[in-house]
Amino acid sequence: MKQALAAITALRGKRLVWPALGLLALLSLGLPALAWLLPQASPGWRWAAWLCSLGFVLLTAQELRRARRRVLEIRQMLNEALDALPASVEIFDAQDRLIAYNQQLLEIYPHMRGAFKRGATFESLVRTSLAQGRVPEASGREEAWLRERLQARRIPREPLLQQVHDGRWLRIHERHMPSGGIVGVRTEVTDMILEHQRLASTDGLTGVGNRRLFDERLQQAWLRSARLGLPLACVMVDVDHFKQYNDHYGHVAGDDCLRRVAQLLRSCASRPADTVCRYGGEEFVLLLPDCDLHHARAVAQRCLDELRLAAIDHAASPLHRTLSFSVGVAACVAKADLAAQSLVEQADAALYSAKQTGRARIAMQV
């Protein structure tokens, strides 16, 4: 980019070239005309004037060739500088027609390779992308979305965050130039967005999913269960007498205990589709797609067995000298006319039953 700027500066430094070319052109035409208009001019003088004129023409043509080569060199350097940038760049003129872009733009929109032509309008390019279904947020409302996008483009604004095809996210900066054109810079921020989404759906203490993630996954799994007629199970887990644990060992030790419990539960529900979340306080929930009541109970029993093997001390527990769980299990095939929360309510009722009948045990939905 520095080379390109240096080249432009150098060209500006040679502005005298253009007046010189004009002077040469004037002389090449003026001398023969002057010789022709002066009747007293000798034939030799006229021939000399014609020869000088021819020389000036040749010099003018040579300077024009040099200037043209210089312009082509600068254009090549600018194209190379644009391609060297880590972000995609597109430049539109005052009529919103594409006049320049770099290779990074083609890498982001490979399906638009045939559409990116100089002179194509921004609206025509967007319409092409919409017709191919490459703008997820515009699905079902393409024309309205296009109007909003064009309106926003006319007004300088903050960078636009947009999801495109294949789950990719772009941050789009658009700046208006004094000439009326627009420069657009697109930077891929998919990794940043995914990390933000992960943090927004992760419990900060234990590292498993939070309540927000559970609610999202529950709705998705419920709809899938209703559509395919497959079972869906929910396992509610509560750490017995955790308040006494905190009072006895302190909150720092209590936090460490919850982290150990979360990892233990994650190891017991290890299928890719399984979800382990902290539901609140010392309560956790396991969401198990394609799992009936019998298999869900087996997962719950595995949680109790693994906790027993871990033998986490709990000297303040009125039940045992080690940490224990109360577990409620529910499963069903979802129905479209029922709320997904009904499954959680059944598992929570089973958990309440486990607590009421002595804790450190599994209770099944009635």
Protein backbone atom coordinates (compact mmCIF):
# COMPACT_ATOMS: atom_id res chain seq x y z
CA MET A 1 0.00 0.00 0.00
CA LYS A 2 2.90 2.36 0.80
CA GLN A 3 4.33 1.70 -2.66
CA ALA A 4 1.05 2.65 -4.28
CA LEU A 5 0.83 5.88 -2.28
CA ALA A 6 4.43 6.68 -3.15
CA ALA A 7 3.66 6.14 -6.82
CA ILE A 8 0.70 8.52 -6.67
CA THR A 9 2.85 11.11 -4.91
CA ALA A 10 5.50 10.73 -7.57
CA LEU A 11 2.97 11.25 -10.33
CA ARG A 12 1.64 14.36 -8.62
CA GLY A 13 5.22 15.59 -8.39
CA LYS A 14 5.41 15.46 -12.18
CA ARG A 15 2.47 17.69 -12.92
CA LEU A 16 4.69 19.75 -15.17
CA VAL A 17 4.62 16.89 -17.65
CA TRP A 18 1.04 17.73 -18.67
CA PRO A 19 1.66 21.46 -19.42
CA ALA A 20 4.75 20.42 -21.34
CA LEU A 21 2.70 18.00 -23.42
CA GLY A 22 0.22 20.76 -24.15
CA LEU A 23 3.01 23.11 -25.21
CA LEU A 24 4.49 20.47 -27.52
CA ALA A 25 1.09 19.88 -29.10
CA LEU A 26 0.64 23.63 -29.62
CA LEU A 27 4.05 23.98 -31.24
CA SER A 28 3.55 20.97 -33.46
CA LEU A 29 0.43 22.60 -34.92
CA GLY A 30 1.45 26.25 -34.64
CA LEU A 31 4.79 26.23 -36.47
CA PRO A 32 3.49 24.84 -39.79
CA ALA A 33 0.50 27.17 -39.61
CA LEU A 34 2.78 30.14 -38.98
CA ALA A 35 5.06 29.19 -41.87
CA TRP A 36 2.07 28.87 -44.19
CA LEU A 37 0.61 32.23 -43.21
CA LEU A 38 3.88 34.16 -43.71
CA PRO A 39 4.21 34.70 -47.48
CA GLN A 40 7.76 36.05 -47.15
CA ALA A 41 8.94 32.80 -45.50
CA SER A 42 11.46 30.93 -47.67
CA PRO A 43 10.84 27.30 -48.67
CA GLY A 44 13.75 26.24 -46.47
CA TRP A 45 12.20 27.94 -43.47
CA ARG A 46 8.90 26.26 -44.16
CA TRP A 47 10.57 22.86 -44.40
CA ALA A 48 12.36 23.52 -41.12
CA ALA A 49 9.04 24.41 -39.52
CA TRP A 50 7.50 21.18 -40.77
CA LEU A 51 10.45 19.15 -39.49
CA CYS A 52 10.26 20.83 -36.10
CA SER A 53 6.55 20.18 -36.03
CA LEU A 54 7.17 16.50 -36.79
CA GLY A 55 9.72 16.36 -33.98
CA PHE A 56 7.29 17.92 -31.58
CA VAL A 57 4.65 15.36 -32.62
CA LEU A 58 7.06 12.52 -31.99
CA LEU A 59 8.05 13.98 -28.61
CA THR A 60 4.38 14.39 -27.70
CA ALA A 61 3.62 10.79 -28.63
CA GLN A 62 6.62 9.58 -26.62
CA GLU A 63 5.56 11.52 -23.54
CA LEU A 64 2.02 10.24 -23.89
CA ARG A 65 3.29 6.65 -24.02
CA ARG A 66 5.39 7.27 -20.92
CA ALA A 67 2.45 8.79 -19.08
CA ARG A 68 0.23 5.87 -20.10
CA ARG A 69 2.80 3.35 -18.87
CA ARG A 70 3.07 5.25 -15.60
CA VAL A 71 -0.72 5.21 -15.13
CA LEU A 72 -0.82 1.46 -15.84
CA GLU A 73 2.01 0.88 -13.36
CA ILE A 74 0.20 2.83 -10.67
CA ARG A 75 -3.06 0.99 -11.38
CA GLN A 76 -1.22 -2.33 -11.09
CA MET A 77 0.38 -1.24 -7.82
CA LEU A 78 -3.02 -0.19 -6.44
CA ASN A 79 -4.55 -3.55 -7.40
CA GLU A 80 -1.68 -5.38 -5.73
CA ALA A 81 -2.03 -3.19 -2.64
CA LEU A 82 -5.77 -3.93 -2.43
CA ASP A 83 -5.16 -7.67 -2.80
CA ALA A 84 -2.53 -7.51 -0.03
CA LEU A 85 -5.04 -6.14 2.49
CA PRO A 86 -6.35 -8.69 5.07
CA ALA A 87 -9.96 -7.60 4.47
CA SER A 88 -12.17 -7.43 1.41
CA VAL A 89 -12.50 -4.02 -0.23
CA GLU A 90 -14.99 -2.78 -2.81
CA ILE A 91 -15.29 0.70 -4.31
CA PHE A 92 -18.48 2.06 -5.87
CA ASP A 93 -18.87 5.32 -7.80
CA ALA A 94 -21.47 8.05 -7.22
CA GLN A 95 -24.07 6.00 -9.15
CA ASP A 96 -23.34 3.03 -6.84
CA ARG A 97 -21.63 1.07 -9.62
CA LEU A 98 -18.73 -1.23 -8.81
CA ILE A 99 -15.42 0.16 -10.07
CA ALA A 100 -12.83 -1.81 -8.04
CA TYR A 101 -12.55 -4.75 -5.64
CA ASN A 102 -9.93 -7.20 -4.38
CA GLN A 103 -9.51 -10.97 -4.27
CA GLN A 104 -10.66 -11.21 -0.65
CA LEU A 105 -14.16 -10.22 -1.76
CA LEU A 106 -14.23 -13.22 -4.11
CA GLU A 107 -13.05 -15.49 -1.30
CA ILE A 108 -15.95 -14.37 0.90
CA TYR A 109 -18.51 -14.62 -1.92
CA PRO A 110 -17.26 -17.36 -4.27
CA HIS A 111 -20.80 -17.88 -5.59
CA MET A 112 -20.75 -14.26 -6.83
CA ARG A 113 -17.63 -14.61 -8.97
CA GLY A 114 -19.60 -14.19 -12.19
CA ALA A 115 -21.58 -11.23 -10.85
CA PHE A 116 -18.65 -9.10 -9.66
CA LYS A 117 -18.08 -7.04 -12.78
CA ARG A 118 -17.09 -3.42 -13.04
CA GLY A 119 -20.21 -1.39 -13.68
CA ALA A 120 -22.55 -3.72 -11.76
CA THR A 121 -24.72 -1.82 -9.29
CA PHE A 122 -24.74 -2.61 -5.59
CA GLU A 123 -28.47 -3.36 -5.75
CA SER A 124 -28.03 -5.87 -8.59
CA LEU A 125 -25.27 -7.64 -6.68
CA VAL A 126 -27.39 -7.90 -3.54
CA ARG A 127 -30.36 -9.18 -5.54
CA THR A 128 -28.17 -11.91 -7.02
CA SER A 129 -27.07 -13.00 -3.55
CA LEU A 130 -30.67 -12.93 -2.25
CA ALA A 131 -31.88 -15.00 -5.20
CA GLN A 132 -29.34 -17.68 -4.24
CA GLY A 133 -30.50 -17.69 -0.60
CA ARG A 134 -27.15 -16.49 0.69
CA VAL A 135 -28.46 -13.98 3.26
CA PRO A 136 -30.09 -15.99 6.10
CA GLU A 137 -31.55 -12.98 7.92
CA ALA A 138 -33.46 -11.96 4.76
CA SER A 139 -35.17 -15.32 4.30
CA GLY A 140 -38.88 -14.86 3.68
CA ARG A 141 -38.68 -11.05 3.50
CA GLU A 142 -36.15 -10.43 0.77
CA GLU A 143 -37.67 -7.26 -0.72
CA ALA A 144 -38.22 -5.62 2.67
CA TRP A 145 -34.70 -6.54 3.75
CA LEU A 146 -33.27 -5.12 0.52
CA ARG A 147 -35.09 -1.80 1.02
CA GLU A 148 -33.75 -1.56 4.58
CA ARG A 149 -30.22 -2.39 3.40
CA LEU A 150 -30.26 0.24 0.63
CA GLN A 151 -31.70 2.85 2.99
CA ALA A 152 -29.01 2.14 5.57
CA ARG A 153 -26.35 2.38 2.86
CA ARG A 154 -27.38 5.94 2.01
CA ILE A 155 -26.85 7.13 5.58
CA PRO A 156 -23.42 6.98 7.28
CA ARG A 157 -23.72 4.67 10.25
CA GLU A 158 -21.89 2.36 12.61
CA PRO A 159 -20.33 -0.85 11.20
CA LEU A 160 -22.90 -3.43 10.16
CA LEU A 161 -22.76 -6.95 11.58
CA GLN A 162 -24.19 -9.43 9.09
CA GLN A 163 -24.48 -13.20 8.87
CA VAL A 164 -23.91 -14.61 5.40
CA HIS A 165 -23.81 -18.10 3.90
CA ASP A 166 -22.24 -21.08 5.66
CA GLY A 167 -22.74 -19.51 9.09
CA ARG A 168 -20.05 -16.88 8.50
CA TRP A 169 -20.26 -13.44 10.10
CA LEU A 170 -18.94 -10.19 8.62
CA ARG A 171 -18.35 -6.74 10.04
CA ILE A 172 -19.05 -4.29 7.21
CA HIS A 173 -17.69 -0.74 7.20
CA GLU A 174 -19.07 1.61 4.52
CA ARG A 175 -17.72 5.14 4.09
CA HIS A 176 -18.93 7.83 1.70
CA MET A 177 -16.28 9.65 -0.32
CA PRO A 178 -16.40 13.38 -1.20
CA SER A 179 -16.95 12.38 -4.84
CA GLY A 180 -20.18 10.60 -3.86
CA GLY A 181 -18.80 7.09 -4.12
CA ILE A 182 -18.70 4.49 -1.35
CA VAL A 183 -15.80 2.40 -0.06
CA GLY A 184 -16.76 -0.85 1.65
CA VAL A 185 -14.50 -2.96 3.85
CA ARG A 186 -15.64 -6.41 5.01
CA THR A 187 -13.85 -8.27 7.80
CA GLU A 188 -14.75 -11.81 8.82
CA VAL A 189 -15.51 -12.02 12.56
CA THR A 190 -17.01 -15.53 12.71
CA ASP A 191 -14.61 -16.74 15.41
CA MET A 192 -15.33 -13.70 17.57
CA ILE A 193 -19.11 -14.13 17.22
CA LEU A 194 -18.96 -17.85 17.99
CA GLU A 195 -16.83 -17.18 21.05
CA HIS A 196 -19.27 -14.50 22.19
CA GLN A 197 -22.18 -16.92 21.72
CA ARG A 198 -20.30 -19.62 23.61
CA LEU A 199 -19.65 -17.30 26.54
CA ALA A 200 -23.26 -16.11 26.51
CA SER A 201 -24.49 -19.71 26.79
CA THR A 202 -21.89 -21.01 29.26
CA ASP A 203 -22.10 -20.98 33.03
CA GLY A 204 -19.20 -18.87 34.20
CA LEU A 205 -18.46 -20.97 37.27
CA THR A 206 -18.74 -24.56 36.08
CA GLY A 207 -18.07 -24.31 32.34
CA VAL A 208 -21.18 -26.32 31.38
CA GLY A 209 -24.20 -24.75 29.67
CA ASN A 210 -26.28 -22.15 31.45
CA ARG A 211 -30.06 -21.80 31.78
CA ARG A 212 -30.26 -19.87 28.52
CA LEU A 213 -28.58 -22.66 26.58
CA PHE A 214 -30.83 -25.25 28.20
CA ASP A 215 -33.97 -23.36 27.21
CA GLU A 216 -32.76 -23.09 23.60
CA ARG A 217 -31.74 -26.75 23.37
CA LEU A 218 -34.99 -27.87 25.02
CA GLN A 219 -37.10 -26.09 22.40
CA GLN A 220 -35.02 -27.51 19.55
CA ALA A 221 -35.08 -31.05 20.95
CA TRP A 222 -38.82 -30.85 21.68
CA LEU A 223 -39.66 -29.85 18.11
CA ARG A 224 -37.40 -32.57 16.75
CA SER A 225 -38.99 -35.18 19.01
CA ALA A 226 -42.48 -34.16 17.89
CA ARG A 227 -41.49 -34.17 14.23
CA LEU A 228 -39.68 -37.53 14.23
CA GLY A 229 -41.62 -39.30 16.98
CA LEU A 230 -38.46 -40.00 18.98
CA PRO A 231 -38.22 -39.97 22.80
CA LEU A 232 -36.68 -37.14 24.77
CA ALA A 233 -35.49 -37.42 28.37
CA CYS A 234 -34.74 -34.88 31.09
CA VAL A 235 -32.72 -35.64 34.23
CA MET A 236 -32.74 -33.12 37.10
CA VAL A 237 -29.85 -33.40 39.58
CA ASP A 238 -29.63 -31.63 42.94
CA VAL A 239 -26.59 -31.70 45.25
CA ASP A 240 -27.86 -32.80 48.66
CA HIS A 241 -27.41 -30.40 51.57
CA PHE A 242 -25.15 -28.06 49.63
CA LYS A 243 -25.83 -25.12 51.94
CA GLN A 244 -24.30 -27.11 54.78
CA TYR A 245 -21.33 -27.87 52.53
CA ASN A 246 -20.77 -24.15 51.91
CA ASP A 247 -21.19 -23.32 55.58
CA HIS A 248 -18.71 -26.00 56.60
CA TYR A 249 -16.01 -25.70 53.92
CA GLY A 250 -16.50 -22.12 52.70
CA HIS A 251 -17.71 -20.69 49.42
CA VAL A 252 -14.40 -21.14 47.60
CA ALA A 253 -14.50 -24.86 48.31
CA GLY A 254 -18.20 -24.84 47.40
CA ASP A 255 -17.41 -23.36 43.98
CA ASP A 256 -14.73 -25.98 43.41
CA CYS A 257 -17.22 -28.68 44.41
CA LEU A 258 -19.75 -27.47 41.83
CA ARG A 259 -17.07 -27.50 39.15
CA ARG A 260 -16.22 -31.12 40.02
CA VAL A 261 -19.90 -32.06 39.92
CA ALA A 262 -20.35 -30.41 36.52
CA GLN A 263 -17.42 -32.33 35.04
CA LEU A 264 -18.68 -35.57 36.53
CA LEU A 265 -22.14 -35.07 35.00
CA ARG A 266 -20.63 -34.16 31.65
CA SER A 267 -18.69 -37.43 31.65
CA CYS A 268 -21.90 -39.38 32.30
CA ALA A 269 -23.85 -37.69 29.48
CA SER A 270 -21.17 -37.81 26.84
CA ARG A 271 -23.05 -38.32 23.58
CA PRO A 272 -22.64 -35.43 21.12
CA ALA A 273 -26.35 -34.58 21.31
CA ASP A 274 -26.50 -34.65 25.13
CA THR A 275 -26.62 -31.33 26.95
CA VAL A 276 -25.49 -30.69 30.53
CA CYS A 277 -26.44 -27.34 32.07
CA ARG A 278 -26.41 -25.67 35.43
CA TYR A 279 -30.07 -24.99 36.11
CA GLY A 280 -29.53 -22.77 39.12
CA GLY A 281 -27.57 -22.83 42.39
CA GLU A 282 -26.58 -26.45 43.09
CA GLU A 283 -29.11 -27.84 40.60
CA PHE A 284 -28.13 -29.30 37.22
CA VAL A 285 -30.12 -30.67 34.30
CA LEU A 286 -29.30 -33.24 31.62
CA LEU A 287 -31.18 -33.16 28.31
CA LEU A 288 -30.98 -36.49 26.47
CA PRO A 289 -32.41 -36.68 22.92
CA ASP A 290 -33.37 -40.08 21.48
CA CYS A 291 -33.43 -41.51 25.01
CA ASP A 292 -36.41 -43.28 26.62
CA LEU A 293 -37.18 -43.53 30.33
CA HIS A 294 -35.27 -46.81 30.78
CA HIS A 295 -32.05 -45.48 29.28
CA ALA A 296 -32.43 -42.14 31.06
CA ARG A 297 -32.57 -43.99 34.38
CA ALA A 298 -29.36 -45.80 33.43
CA VAL A 299 -27.67 -42.42 32.87
CA ALA A 300 -28.97 -41.19 36.24
CA GLN A 301 -27.64 -44.30 37.96
CA ARG A 302 -24.28 -43.76 36.30
CA CYS A 303 -24.20 -40.26 37.80
CA LEU A 304 -24.81 -41.66 41.30
CA ASP A 305 -22.20 -44.37 40.83
CA GLU A 306 -19.57 -41.94 39.57
CA LEU A 307 -20.23 -39.57 42.46
CA ARG A 308 -19.90 -42.45 44.89
CA LEU A 309 -16.54 -43.37 43.37
CA ALA A 310 -15.39 -39.74 43.50
CA ALA A 311 -16.01 -39.78 47.28
CA ILE A 312 -16.13 -36.00 47.70
CA ASP A 313 -16.02 -35.29 51.45
CA HIS A 314 -19.11 -33.72 53.02
CA ALA A 315 -18.59 -33.84 56.76
CA ALA A 316 -21.63 -31.61 57.40
CA SER A 317 -24.10 -33.87 55.56
CA PRO A 318 -26.78 -35.49 57.78
CA LEU A 319 -26.94 -38.40 55.30
CA HIS A 320 -23.40 -39.56 54.55
CA ARG A 321 -19.86 -38.40 55.05
CA THR A 322 -19.54 -37.85 51.30
CA LEU A 323 -21.44 -35.78 48.75
CA SER A 324 -24.67 -37.22 47.35
CA PHE A 325 -27.26 -36.46 44.66
CA SER A 326 -31.02 -36.47 44.46
CA VAL A 327 -32.17 -37.18 40.91
CA GLY A 328 -35.50 -36.85 39.09
CA VAL A 329 -36.00 -38.52 35.69
CA ALA A 330 -38.71 -37.97 33.06
CA ALA A 331 -39.04 -38.92 29.39
CA CYS A 332 -41.67 -38.73 26.66
CA VAL A 333 -42.29 -38.36 22.96
CA ALA A 334 -43.06 -34.69 22.43
CA LYS A 335 -46.40 -33.48 21.14
CA ALA A 336 -46.82 -30.32 19.14
CA ASP A 337 -49.79 -29.18 21.26
CA LEU A 338 -47.82 -29.45 24.52
CA ALA A 339 -45.22 -27.02 25.85
CA ALA A 340 -41.63 -28.25 26.11
CA GLN A 341 -41.58 -27.05 29.70
CA SER A 342 -44.00 -29.86 30.60
CA LEU A 343 -41.09 -32.34 30.40
CA VAL A 344 -39.03 -30.25 32.81
CA GLU A 345 -41.97 -30.03 35.19
CA GLN A 346 -42.26 -33.82 35.24
CA ALA A 347 -38.55 -34.22 35.95
CA ASP A 348 -38.72 -31.54 38.64
CA ALA A 349 -41.69 -33.31 40.28
CA ALA A 350 -39.69 -36.54 40.28
CA LEU A 351 -36.73 -34.71 41.85
CA TYR A 352 -39.03 -33.37 44.58
CA SER A 353 -40.17 -36.93 45.23
CA ALA A 354 -36.54 -38.09 45.55
CA LYS A 355 -35.88 -35.40 48.14
CA GLN A 356 -39.06 -36.11 50.09
CA THR A 357 -38.30 -39.83 50.32
CA GLY A 358 -34.83 -39.49 51.83
CA ARG A 359 -32.51 -37.95 49.19
CA ALA A 360 -29.43 -39.65 47.69
CA ARG A 361 -31.66 -41.56 45.28
CA ILE A 362 -33.40 -41.59 41.90
CA ALA A 363 -37.12 -40.98 41.42
CA MET A 364 -38.97 -41.52 38.17
CA GLN A 365 -41.88 -39.57 36.73
CA VAL A 366 -45.25 -40.89 37.78
